[in-house]
C-alpha cells in the first residue's frame, strides 16, 4: 500500500520572529535545521521513491537535510504550486503587532480561515486552488503507480492537502495547525483513499 509523507518545513527565521512569511524566501533557523534532521531520522527504514517540494528555500533545505539524515537520495520535483499561501499586504509583518492594530479575531481569520484572504493575499481556498490540482495530477499520479511519496512544503499548502485527505470542513480546518518538522504518514490505496494515518511526532 503506497505511503504519502507530508512534512512542514523546519522553523524559519520569520517563524521565530512571529512574522507572516508567505512567499518571502527566508532561511531556516538552527532549530529549523535540527527539526529537519530529526524528521529525516524518523523516516529511516521507510522506502521512499520520489520527493516533492516548493520553490522556496526553507522547504528545499528541510528536504535536503531530512534526506541526508534518513540516508536516502530521491529524485526531487520542485513546484511553486506547493508554495506557502501568499499573505499579500501583511507579509513580513509581526503577528502580535497586527493583533494590536486589527484585533486578535481578525488576525486569526487571516491566518486560519478557509475563504477570507488577507488584503491582496491568498486565502486557504486560493492556496488549495493551486495546490490540489498539482497534488491530484502529480503526487497522486505517483501514488497510483504504487510509489511512496515524500512532500516537504508549508503550513498552508500541506493544510489544503490534509483537508482533502481527512475530509475536513472549512470550519474544522480553521483549527488545524501543522507543527514544523513533524512527519505525517498516510497509508493510501492506489486510488488515493486513506487507509491509515500516523503522526511521527
N, C-alpha and C. Protein backbone atom coordinates (compact mmCIF):
# COMPACT_ATOMS: atom_id res chain seq x y z
N UNK A 1 0.85 -1.20 0.00
CA UNK A 1 0.00 0.00 0.00
C UNK A 1 0.88 1.25 0.00
N UNK A 2 0.69 2.16 -0.96
CA UNK A 2 1.56 3.33 -1.05
C UNK A 2 1.46 4.24 0.18
N UNK A 3 2.57 4.90 0.47
CA UNK A 3 2.61 5.86 1.58
C UNK A 3 2.83 7.27 1.05
N UNK A 4 2.18 8.22 1.71
CA UNK A 4 2.41 9.63 1.46
C UNK A 4 2.89 10.25 2.77
N UNK A 5 4.07 10.87 2.73
CA UNK A 5 4.62 11.53 3.91
C UNK A 5 4.59 13.04 3.67
N UNK A 6 3.91 13.77 4.55
CA UNK A 6 3.85 15.23 4.47
C UNK A 6 4.67 15.83 5.62
N UNK A 7 5.55 16.77 5.29
CA UNK A 7 6.31 17.47 6.33
C UNK A 7 6.24 18.97 6.06
N UNK A 8 5.87 19.73 7.08
CA UNK A 8 6.02 21.18 7.01
C UNK A 8 7.48 21.50 7.31
N UNK A 9 8.05 22.43 6.56
CA UNK A 9 9.47 22.78 6.75
C UNK A 9 9.79 23.10 8.21
N UNK A 10 11.07 22.99 8.55
CA UNK A 10 11.51 23.35 9.90
C UNK A 10 11.34 24.84 10.17
N UNK A 11 11.50 25.20 11.42
CA UNK A 11 11.31 26.61 11.82
C UNK A 11 12.17 27.55 10.95
N UNK A 12 11.53 28.57 10.43
CA UNK A 12 12.26 29.59 9.65
C UNK A 12 12.54 30.80 10.53
N UNK A 13 13.38 31.68 10.03
CA UNK A 13 13.73 32.89 10.78
C UNK A 13 12.49 33.71 11.11
N UNK A 14 11.57 33.81 10.15
CA UNK A 14 10.36 34.61 10.40
C UNK A 14 9.34 33.86 11.24
N UNK A 15 9.36 32.52 11.26
CA UNK A 15 8.56 31.79 12.26
C UNK A 15 9.02 32.22 13.65
N UNK A 16 10.35 32.24 13.83
CA UNK A 16 10.94 32.60 15.12
C UNK A 16 10.56 34.04 15.50
N UNK A 17 10.57 34.92 14.50
CA UNK A 17 10.28 36.34 14.75
C UNK A 17 8.77 36.64 14.73
N UNK A 18 7.94 35.58 14.57
CA UNK A 18 6.48 35.71 14.62
C UNK A 18 5.95 36.62 13.50
N UNK A 19 6.54 36.47 12.31
CA UNK A 19 6.13 37.29 11.18
C UNK A 19 5.44 36.44 10.12
N UNK A 20 4.51 37.04 9.39
CA UNK A 20 3.88 36.36 8.25
C UNK A 20 4.91 36.24 7.12
N UNK A 21 5.17 35.01 6.70
CA UNK A 21 6.27 34.79 5.75
C UNK A 21 5.78 34.72 4.31
N UNK A 22 4.80 33.86 4.05
CA UNK A 22 4.28 33.75 2.69
C UNK A 22 5.34 33.35 1.68
N UNK A 23 5.45 34.13 0.60
CA UNK A 23 6.37 33.78 -0.48
C UNK A 23 7.76 34.40 -0.31
N UNK A 24 7.98 35.11 0.80
CA UNK A 24 9.31 35.68 1.04
C UNK A 24 10.27 34.53 1.36
N UNK A 25 11.44 34.56 0.73
CA UNK A 25 12.35 33.40 0.81
C UNK A 25 13.31 33.56 2.00
N UNK A 26 12.85 33.18 3.17
CA UNK A 26 13.68 33.32 4.37
C UNK A 26 14.31 31.98 4.73
N UNK A 27 15.48 32.00 5.40
CA UNK A 27 16.18 30.75 5.72
C UNK A 27 15.63 30.07 6.96
N UNK A 28 16.06 28.83 7.16
CA UNK A 28 15.77 28.12 8.40
C UNK A 28 16.63 28.67 9.53
N UNK A 29 16.12 28.58 10.74
CA UNK A 29 16.95 28.83 11.93
C UNK A 29 17.75 27.55 12.23
N UNK A 30 18.63 27.64 13.23
CA UNK A 30 19.34 26.44 13.67
C UNK A 30 18.35 25.40 14.17
N UNK A 31 17.33 25.85 14.91
CA UNK A 31 16.28 24.92 15.38
C UNK A 31 15.58 24.27 14.19
N UNK A 32 15.31 25.06 13.15
CA UNK A 32 14.67 24.53 11.95
C UNK A 32 15.50 23.46 11.28
N UNK A 33 16.81 23.69 11.23
CA UNK A 33 17.70 22.67 10.64
C UNK A 33 17.69 21.40 11.49
N UNK A 34 17.69 21.58 12.81
CA UNK A 34 17.64 20.42 13.72
C UNK A 34 16.32 19.66 13.54
N UNK A 35 15.20 20.40 13.40
CA UNK A 35 13.90 19.77 13.18
C UNK A 35 13.90 18.96 11.88
N UNK A 36 14.53 19.52 10.85
CA UNK A 36 14.59 18.82 9.56
C UNK A 36 15.36 17.50 9.70
N UNK A 37 16.47 17.55 10.42
CA UNK A 37 17.28 16.32 10.61
C UNK A 37 16.50 15.29 11.43
N UNK A 38 15.81 15.75 12.48
CA UNK A 38 15.02 14.82 13.31
C UNK A 38 13.91 14.18 12.47
N UNK A 39 13.29 14.97 11.61
CA UNK A 39 12.25 14.42 10.72
C UNK A 39 12.85 13.32 9.85
N UNK A 40 14.03 13.58 9.32
CA UNK A 40 14.69 12.59 8.48
C UNK A 40 15.01 11.31 9.24
N UNK A 41 15.45 11.47 10.49
CA UNK A 41 15.77 10.29 11.31
C UNK A 41 14.52 9.41 11.51
N UNK A 42 13.36 10.07 11.62
CA UNK A 42 12.11 9.31 11.80
C UNK A 42 11.70 8.56 10.54
N UNK A 43 12.26 8.96 9.40
CA UNK A 43 11.92 8.30 8.13
C UNK A 43 12.87 7.16 7.80
N UNK A 44 13.88 6.94 8.64
CA UNK A 44 14.84 5.86 8.38
C UNK A 44 14.12 4.53 8.28
N UNK A 45 14.49 3.75 7.27
CA UNK A 45 13.88 2.44 7.08
C UNK A 45 12.60 2.47 6.26
N UNK A 46 12.08 3.68 5.99
CA UNK A 46 10.87 3.80 5.17
C UNK A 46 11.30 3.94 3.72
N UNK A 47 10.81 3.04 2.89
CA UNK A 47 11.19 3.08 1.47
C UNK A 47 10.41 4.19 0.77
N UNK A 48 11.13 5.17 0.26
CA UNK A 48 10.51 6.28 -0.45
C UNK A 48 11.05 6.32 -1.87
N UNK A 49 10.21 6.75 -2.82
CA UNK A 49 10.59 6.70 -4.23
C UNK A 49 10.83 8.06 -4.87
N UNK A 50 10.11 9.07 -4.39
CA UNK A 50 10.20 10.38 -5.04
C UNK A 50 9.83 11.45 -4.01
N UNK A 51 10.41 12.66 -4.18
CA UNK A 51 10.12 13.77 -3.26
C UNK A 51 9.62 14.98 -4.04
N UNK A 52 8.71 15.71 -3.40
CA UNK A 52 8.20 16.97 -3.94
C UNK A 52 8.44 18.07 -2.92
N UNK A 53 8.74 19.26 -3.42
CA UNK A 53 8.89 20.41 -2.54
C UNK A 53 8.48 21.67 -3.29
N UNK A 54 8.48 22.78 -2.57
CA UNK A 54 8.05 24.05 -3.17
C UNK A 54 9.23 24.74 -3.85
N UNK A 55 8.97 25.95 -4.32
CA UNK A 55 10.02 26.76 -4.94
C UNK A 55 10.78 27.59 -3.91
N UNK A 56 10.47 27.41 -2.63
CA UNK A 56 11.06 28.25 -1.57
C UNK A 56 12.16 27.51 -0.82
N UNK A 57 13.20 28.28 -0.47
CA UNK A 57 14.42 27.71 0.11
C UNK A 57 14.17 26.95 1.40
N UNK A 58 13.30 27.46 2.28
CA UNK A 58 13.13 26.81 3.58
C UNK A 58 12.59 25.40 3.45
N UNK A 59 11.73 25.15 2.46
CA UNK A 59 11.23 23.80 2.23
C UNK A 59 12.29 22.93 1.57
N UNK A 60 13.00 23.49 0.60
CA UNK A 60 14.04 22.72 -0.10
C UNK A 60 15.17 22.33 0.85
N UNK A 61 15.56 23.25 1.73
CA UNK A 61 16.63 22.96 2.70
C UNK A 61 16.17 21.89 3.70
N UNK A 62 14.91 21.98 4.14
CA UNK A 62 14.37 20.96 5.05
C UNK A 62 14.42 19.59 4.38
N UNK A 63 14.00 19.54 3.12
CA UNK A 63 14.03 18.27 2.39
C UNK A 63 15.44 17.71 2.29
N UNK A 64 16.39 18.57 1.92
CA UNK A 64 17.79 18.12 1.77
C UNK A 64 18.33 17.56 3.08
N UNK A 65 18.10 18.27 4.19
CA UNK A 65 18.60 17.81 5.49
C UNK A 65 17.89 16.53 5.93
N UNK A 66 16.59 16.44 5.68
CA UNK A 66 15.83 15.24 6.06
C UNK A 66 16.32 14.02 5.28
N UNK A 67 16.55 14.19 3.98
CA UNK A 67 17.04 13.05 3.18
C UNK A 67 18.42 12.61 3.65
N UNK A 68 19.26 13.59 3.95
CA UNK A 68 20.61 13.27 4.44
C UNK A 68 20.53 12.47 5.75
N UNK A 69 19.68 12.94 6.67
CA UNK A 69 19.55 12.25 7.97
C UNK A 69 18.92 10.87 7.81
N UNK A 70 18.03 10.72 6.83
CA UNK A 70 17.38 9.43 6.59
C UNK A 70 18.27 8.48 5.80
N UNK A 71 19.36 9.01 5.24
CA UNK A 71 20.27 8.18 4.44
C UNK A 71 19.66 7.78 3.11
N UNK A 72 18.85 8.70 2.53
CA UNK A 72 18.21 8.40 1.25
C UNK A 72 18.53 9.49 0.24
N UNK A 73 18.47 9.14 -1.02
CA UNK A 73 18.62 10.12 -2.10
C UNK A 73 17.49 9.87 -3.08
N UNK A 74 16.64 10.89 -3.23
CA UNK A 74 15.44 10.74 -4.06
C UNK A 74 15.46 11.74 -5.20
N UNK A 75 14.82 11.40 -6.33
CA UNK A 75 14.56 12.44 -7.33
C UNK A 75 13.63 13.48 -6.72
N UNK A 76 13.93 14.76 -6.95
CA UNK A 76 13.17 15.85 -6.33
C UNK A 76 12.48 16.69 -7.40
N UNK A 77 11.18 16.90 -7.21
CA UNK A 77 10.39 17.77 -8.10
C UNK A 77 10.03 19.02 -7.31
N UNK A 78 10.42 20.18 -7.83
CA UNK A 78 10.11 21.45 -7.17
C UNK A 78 9.04 22.18 -7.97
N UNK A 79 8.04 22.71 -7.27
CA UNK A 79 6.98 23.44 -7.98
C UNK A 79 6.35 24.48 -7.06
N UNK A 80 6.12 25.68 -7.59
CA UNK A 80 5.54 26.73 -6.76
C UNK A 80 4.07 26.48 -6.43
N UNK A 81 3.46 25.47 -7.05
CA UNK A 81 2.10 25.08 -6.64
C UNK A 81 2.08 24.66 -5.17
N UNK A 82 3.23 24.23 -4.64
CA UNK A 82 3.33 23.81 -3.24
C UNK A 82 3.81 24.94 -2.32
N UNK A 83 3.99 26.15 -2.87
CA UNK A 83 4.41 27.27 -2.03
C UNK A 83 3.42 27.56 -0.91
N UNK A 84 3.93 28.22 0.11
CA UNK A 84 3.07 28.73 1.17
C UNK A 84 2.03 29.68 0.57
N UNK A 85 0.94 29.91 1.28
CA UNK A 85 -0.03 30.89 0.79
C UNK A 85 0.61 32.28 0.79
N UNK A 86 0.20 33.09 -0.16
CA UNK A 86 0.73 34.45 -0.27
C UNK A 86 -0.07 35.35 0.68
N UNK A 87 0.63 36.00 1.59
CA UNK A 87 -0.06 36.80 2.61
C UNK A 87 -0.28 38.25 2.20
N UNK A 88 0.04 38.60 0.97
CA UNK A 88 -0.29 39.93 0.47
C UNK A 88 0.32 41.05 1.30
N UNK A 89 -0.53 42.01 1.69
CA UNK A 89 -0.05 43.22 2.37
C UNK A 89 0.51 42.95 3.76
N UNK A 90 0.22 41.79 4.35
CA UNK A 90 0.73 41.54 5.71
C UNK A 90 1.99 40.68 5.72
N UNK A 91 2.51 40.30 4.54
CA UNK A 91 3.77 39.56 4.50
C UNK A 91 4.87 40.39 5.17
N UNK A 92 5.64 39.71 6.03
CA UNK A 92 6.75 40.37 6.70
C UNK A 92 6.36 41.09 7.99
N UNK A 93 5.05 41.21 8.26
CA UNK A 93 4.62 41.94 9.45
C UNK A 93 4.49 41.01 10.65
N UNK A 94 4.73 41.57 11.83
CA UNK A 94 4.67 40.80 13.07
C UNK A 94 3.22 40.53 13.47
N UNK A 95 2.93 39.28 13.83
CA UNK A 95 1.55 38.88 14.14
C UNK A 95 1.02 39.60 15.38
N UNK A 96 1.86 39.79 16.39
CA UNK A 96 1.40 40.48 17.61
C UNK A 96 1.10 41.95 17.33
N UNK A 97 1.95 42.59 16.49
CA UNK A 97 1.69 43.99 16.13
C UNK A 97 0.36 44.11 15.39
N UNK A 98 0.08 43.14 14.51
CA UNK A 98 -1.18 43.16 13.77
C UNK A 98 -2.39 42.95 14.69
N UNK A 99 -2.21 42.09 15.71
CA UNK A 99 -3.31 41.87 16.68
C UNK A 99 -3.65 43.16 17.42
N UNK A 100 -2.61 43.94 17.78
CA UNK A 100 -2.84 45.21 18.47
C UNK A 100 -3.60 46.18 17.56
N UNK A 101 -3.29 46.13 16.27
CA UNK A 101 -3.88 47.07 15.33
C UNK A 101 -5.28 46.67 14.87
N UNK A 102 -5.45 45.36 14.58
CA UNK A 102 -6.71 44.90 13.98
C UNK A 102 -7.55 44.00 14.89
N UNK A 103 -6.96 43.55 16.00
CA UNK A 103 -7.67 42.65 16.91
C UNK A 103 -7.31 41.19 16.66
N UNK A 104 -7.32 40.42 17.74
CA UNK A 104 -6.89 39.02 17.67
C UNK A 104 -7.77 38.19 16.74
N UNK A 105 -9.09 38.45 16.77
CA UNK A 105 -10.02 37.65 15.96
C UNK A 105 -9.77 37.86 14.46
N UNK A 106 -9.52 39.12 14.07
CA UNK A 106 -9.26 39.41 12.66
C UNK A 106 -7.98 38.73 12.17
N UNK A 107 -6.95 38.76 13.01
CA UNK A 107 -5.67 38.15 12.63
C UNK A 107 -5.83 36.63 12.54
N UNK A 108 -6.63 36.05 13.45
CA UNK A 108 -6.88 34.60 13.38
C UNK A 108 -7.60 34.26 12.08
N UNK A 109 -8.54 35.09 11.67
CA UNK A 109 -9.25 34.85 10.41
C UNK A 109 -8.27 34.89 9.24
N UNK A 110 -7.40 35.90 9.22
CA UNK A 110 -6.40 35.97 8.13
C UNK A 110 -5.48 34.76 8.14
N UNK A 111 -5.14 34.29 9.34
CA UNK A 111 -4.20 33.15 9.43
C UNK A 111 -4.86 31.83 9.09
N UNK A 112 -6.08 31.61 9.60
CA UNK A 112 -6.62 30.26 9.61
C UNK A 112 -7.89 30.05 8.80
N UNK A 113 -8.60 31.13 8.43
CA UNK A 113 -9.89 30.91 7.77
C UNK A 113 -9.70 30.24 6.42
N UNK A 114 -10.78 29.67 5.94
CA UNK A 114 -10.72 28.93 4.67
C UNK A 114 -10.83 29.87 3.47
N UNK A 115 -11.74 30.84 3.54
CA UNK A 115 -12.03 31.58 2.31
C UNK A 115 -11.96 33.10 2.46
N UNK A 116 -11.37 33.59 3.56
CA UNK A 116 -11.19 35.05 3.72
C UNK A 116 -9.71 35.37 3.63
N UNK A 117 -9.27 36.02 2.53
CA UNK A 117 -7.84 36.32 2.37
C UNK A 117 -7.44 37.58 3.13
N UNK A 118 -6.16 37.70 3.49
CA UNK A 118 -5.67 38.99 3.96
C UNK A 118 -5.66 39.96 2.77
N UNK A 119 -5.55 41.26 3.02
CA UNK A 119 -5.59 42.23 1.92
C UNK A 119 -4.54 41.90 0.84
N UNK A 120 -5.01 41.75 -0.39
CA UNK A 120 -4.15 41.47 -1.56
C UNK A 120 -3.39 40.15 -1.45
N UNK A 121 -3.89 39.23 -0.63
CA UNK A 121 -3.24 37.94 -0.46
C UNK A 121 -4.16 36.79 -0.83
N UNK A 122 -3.73 35.57 -0.46
CA UNK A 122 -4.48 34.35 -0.74
C UNK A 122 -5.16 33.84 0.52
N UNK A 123 -6.36 33.33 0.37
CA UNK A 123 -7.00 32.54 1.43
C UNK A 123 -6.51 31.10 1.29
N UNK A 124 -6.87 30.26 2.25
CA UNK A 124 -6.55 28.84 2.12
C UNK A 124 -7.26 28.26 0.90
N UNK A 125 -8.48 28.73 0.64
CA UNK A 125 -9.20 28.28 -0.55
C UNK A 125 -8.41 28.61 -1.83
N UNK A 126 -7.82 29.80 -1.89
CA UNK A 126 -6.99 30.19 -3.05
C UNK A 126 -5.75 29.31 -3.15
N UNK A 127 -5.14 29.04 -1.99
CA UNK A 127 -3.94 28.19 -1.98
C UNK A 127 -4.31 26.79 -2.46
N UNK A 128 -5.42 26.26 -1.96
CA UNK A 128 -5.87 24.93 -2.38
C UNK A 128 -6.15 24.88 -3.88
N UNK A 129 -6.60 26.00 -4.45
CA UNK A 129 -6.93 26.03 -5.88
C UNK A 129 -5.70 25.83 -6.76
N UNK A 130 -4.49 26.12 -6.21
CA UNK A 130 -3.28 25.81 -6.99
C UNK A 130 -2.58 24.54 -6.51
N UNK A 131 -2.69 24.28 -5.18
CA UNK A 131 -2.01 23.10 -4.63
C UNK A 131 -2.70 21.80 -5.02
N UNK A 132 -4.04 21.75 -4.90
CA UNK A 132 -4.74 20.48 -5.08
C UNK A 132 -4.72 19.94 -6.51
N UNK A 133 -4.85 20.78 -7.56
CA UNK A 133 -4.72 20.21 -8.91
C UNK A 133 -3.34 19.58 -9.14
N UNK A 134 -2.30 20.23 -8.60
CA UNK A 134 -0.95 19.67 -8.70
C UNK A 134 -0.85 18.36 -7.91
N UNK A 135 -1.43 18.36 -6.71
CA UNK A 135 -1.46 17.15 -5.88
C UNK A 135 -2.15 16.00 -6.61
N UNK A 136 -3.32 16.29 -7.17
CA UNK A 136 -4.10 15.24 -7.87
C UNK A 136 -3.34 14.71 -9.08
N UNK A 137 -2.77 15.63 -9.84
CA UNK A 137 -2.14 15.24 -11.10
C UNK A 137 -0.79 14.54 -10.89
N UNK A 138 0.07 15.15 -10.08
CA UNK A 138 1.45 14.67 -9.98
C UNK A 138 1.67 13.74 -8.80
N UNK A 139 1.31 14.19 -7.60
CA UNK A 139 1.61 13.41 -6.40
C UNK A 139 0.74 12.15 -6.36
N UNK A 140 -0.58 12.32 -6.56
CA UNK A 140 -1.43 11.12 -6.61
C UNK A 140 -1.14 10.28 -7.86
N UNK A 141 -0.62 10.93 -8.91
CA UNK A 141 -0.18 10.17 -10.09
C UNK A 141 0.89 9.16 -9.72
N UNK A 142 1.83 9.58 -8.86
CA UNK A 142 2.86 8.64 -8.37
C UNK A 142 2.27 7.59 -7.44
N UNK A 143 1.36 8.03 -6.56
CA UNK A 143 0.69 7.07 -5.65
C UNK A 143 -0.02 5.99 -6.46
N UNK A 144 -0.69 6.40 -7.55
CA UNK A 144 -1.42 5.44 -8.38
C UNK A 144 -0.49 4.40 -9.02
N UNK A 145 0.77 4.78 -9.16
CA UNK A 145 1.77 3.83 -9.68
C UNK A 145 2.40 3.00 -8.57
N UNK A 146 1.88 3.15 -7.34
CA UNK A 146 2.39 2.36 -6.22
C UNK A 146 3.64 2.93 -5.57
N UNK A 147 3.97 4.19 -5.89
CA UNK A 147 5.19 4.80 -5.32
C UNK A 147 4.89 5.40 -3.95
N UNK A 148 5.92 5.40 -3.09
CA UNK A 148 5.86 6.08 -1.81
C UNK A 148 6.43 7.48 -1.99
N UNK A 149 5.67 8.49 -1.58
CA UNK A 149 5.98 9.88 -1.92
C UNK A 149 6.21 10.71 -0.66
N UNK A 150 7.28 11.52 -0.69
CA UNK A 150 7.60 12.47 0.38
C UNK A 150 7.31 13.87 -0.14
N UNK A 151 6.53 14.65 0.61
CA UNK A 151 6.24 16.04 0.26
C UNK A 151 6.71 16.93 1.42
N UNK A 152 7.65 17.82 1.13
CA UNK A 152 8.10 18.80 2.13
C UNK A 152 7.69 20.17 1.63
N UNK A 153 6.70 20.76 2.32
CA UNK A 153 6.17 22.03 1.84
C UNK A 153 5.91 22.94 3.04
N UNK A 154 4.70 23.52 3.12
CA UNK A 154 4.44 24.62 4.05
C UNK A 154 3.16 24.38 4.83
N UNK A 155 2.97 25.20 5.87
CA UNK A 155 1.80 25.04 6.72
C UNK A 155 0.51 25.01 5.93
N UNK A 156 0.32 25.96 5.01
CA UNK A 156 -0.97 26.06 4.34
C UNK A 156 -1.09 25.20 3.10
N UNK A 157 -0.03 25.01 2.34
CA UNK A 157 -0.13 24.09 1.20
C UNK A 157 -0.38 22.67 1.73
N UNK A 158 0.30 22.31 2.83
CA UNK A 158 0.05 20.99 3.42
C UNK A 158 -1.33 20.92 4.09
N UNK A 159 -1.79 22.03 4.68
CA UNK A 159 -3.13 22.04 5.28
C UNK A 159 -4.20 21.75 4.22
N UNK A 160 -4.02 22.31 3.02
CA UNK A 160 -5.01 22.08 1.98
C UNK A 160 -5.04 20.61 1.56
N UNK A 161 -3.87 19.95 1.57
CA UNK A 161 -3.80 18.52 1.23
C UNK A 161 -4.45 17.69 2.36
N UNK A 162 -4.13 18.03 3.61
CA UNK A 162 -4.71 17.31 4.76
C UNK A 162 -6.23 17.50 4.78
N UNK A 163 -6.68 18.70 4.47
CA UNK A 163 -8.12 18.97 4.44
C UNK A 163 -8.82 18.02 3.46
N UNK A 164 -8.21 17.84 2.30
CA UNK A 164 -8.78 16.95 1.29
C UNK A 164 -8.74 15.50 1.77
N UNK A 165 -7.56 15.05 2.22
CA UNK A 165 -7.39 13.64 2.60
C UNK A 165 -8.28 13.27 3.80
N UNK A 166 -8.36 14.18 4.77
CA UNK A 166 -9.12 13.89 6.00
C UNK A 166 -10.59 14.28 5.89
N UNK A 167 -10.98 14.88 4.76
CA UNK A 167 -12.37 15.28 4.58
C UNK A 167 -12.83 16.33 5.56
N UNK A 168 -11.97 17.31 5.86
CA UNK A 168 -12.31 18.34 6.84
C UNK A 168 -13.21 19.41 6.23
N UNK A 169 -14.10 19.93 7.04
CA UNK A 169 -14.93 21.06 6.61
C UNK A 169 -14.12 22.35 6.75
N UNK A 170 -14.63 23.45 6.18
CA UNK A 170 -13.89 24.70 6.30
C UNK A 170 -13.88 25.20 7.75
N UNK A 171 -14.85 24.76 8.57
CA UNK A 171 -14.82 25.10 9.99
C UNK A 171 -13.75 24.28 10.72
N UNK A 172 -13.65 22.99 10.38
CA UNK A 172 -12.65 22.13 11.03
C UNK A 172 -11.22 22.54 10.67
N UNK A 173 -11.00 22.97 9.43
CA UNK A 173 -9.65 23.31 9.01
C UNK A 173 -9.16 24.58 9.70
N UNK A 174 -10.10 25.39 10.20
CA UNK A 174 -9.74 26.59 10.95
C UNK A 174 -8.85 26.26 12.15
N UNK A 175 -9.10 25.09 12.76
CA UNK A 175 -8.35 24.69 13.97
C UNK A 175 -7.15 23.81 13.66
N UNK A 176 -6.91 23.50 12.37
CA UNK A 176 -5.82 22.60 12.01
C UNK A 176 -4.50 23.35 11.97
N UNK A 177 -3.56 22.92 12.81
CA UNK A 177 -2.22 23.51 12.81
C UNK A 177 -1.21 22.39 12.63
N UNK A 178 -0.35 22.51 11.64
CA UNK A 178 0.69 21.50 11.41
C UNK A 178 2.00 22.02 11.98
N UNK A 179 2.59 21.23 12.87
CA UNK A 179 3.85 21.62 13.50
C UNK A 179 5.00 21.56 12.50
N UNK A 180 5.99 22.41 12.72
CA UNK A 180 7.18 22.38 11.84
C UNK A 180 7.97 21.09 12.06
N UNK A 181 8.40 20.50 10.96
CA UNK A 181 9.32 19.37 11.01
C UNK A 181 8.76 18.07 11.55
N UNK A 182 7.43 17.92 11.56
CA UNK A 182 6.82 16.68 12.08
C UNK A 182 6.21 15.89 10.93
N UNK A 183 6.75 14.69 10.63
CA UNK A 183 6.21 13.89 9.52
C UNK A 183 4.81 13.35 9.82
N UNK A 184 3.95 13.48 8.83
CA UNK A 184 2.60 12.93 8.87
C UNK A 184 2.56 11.86 7.78
N UNK A 185 2.32 10.61 8.17
CA UNK A 185 2.41 9.49 7.23
C UNK A 185 1.02 8.92 6.97
N UNK A 186 0.63 8.96 5.70
CA UNK A 186 -0.66 8.38 5.29
C UNK A 186 -0.42 7.07 4.55
N UNK A 187 -1.22 6.06 4.88
CA UNK A 187 -1.32 4.85 4.05
C UNK A 187 -2.50 5.06 3.12
N UNK A 188 -2.24 4.98 1.83
CA UNK A 188 -3.27 5.23 0.83
C UNK A 188 -3.47 4.02 -0.06
N UNK A 189 -4.66 3.89 -0.58
CA UNK A 189 -4.84 2.93 -1.67
C UNK A 189 -4.26 3.58 -2.93
N UNK A 190 -4.09 2.79 -3.97
CA UNK A 190 -3.57 3.37 -5.20
C UNK A 190 -4.57 4.33 -5.84
N UNK A 191 -5.83 4.28 -5.39
CA UNK A 191 -6.83 5.24 -5.85
C UNK A 191 -6.80 6.52 -5.01
N UNK A 192 -5.93 6.54 -3.97
CA UNK A 192 -5.79 7.74 -3.15
C UNK A 192 -6.69 7.80 -1.94
N UNK A 193 -7.34 6.68 -1.59
CA UNK A 193 -8.20 6.65 -0.40
C UNK A 193 -7.35 6.39 0.85
N UNK A 194 -7.64 7.12 1.92
CA UNK A 194 -6.86 6.99 3.16
C UNK A 194 -7.24 5.70 3.88
N UNK A 195 -6.23 4.91 4.21
CA UNK A 195 -6.42 3.67 4.97
C UNK A 195 -5.86 3.77 6.38
N UNK A 196 -4.95 4.70 6.57
CA UNK A 196 -4.36 4.88 7.89
C UNK A 196 -3.54 6.16 7.93
N UNK A 197 -3.31 6.66 9.15
CA UNK A 197 -2.58 7.93 9.30
C UNK A 197 -1.80 7.88 10.60
N UNK A 198 -0.57 8.35 10.55
CA UNK A 198 0.29 8.31 11.73
C UNK A 198 1.10 9.60 11.80
N UNK A 199 1.16 10.21 12.99
CA UNK A 199 2.00 11.40 13.19
C UNK A 199 3.28 10.94 13.86
N UNK A 200 4.43 11.19 13.22
CA UNK A 200 5.72 10.78 13.78
C UNK A 200 6.28 11.94 14.61
N UNK A 201 5.57 12.29 15.69
CA UNK A 201 5.95 13.45 16.50
C UNK A 201 7.02 13.10 17.52
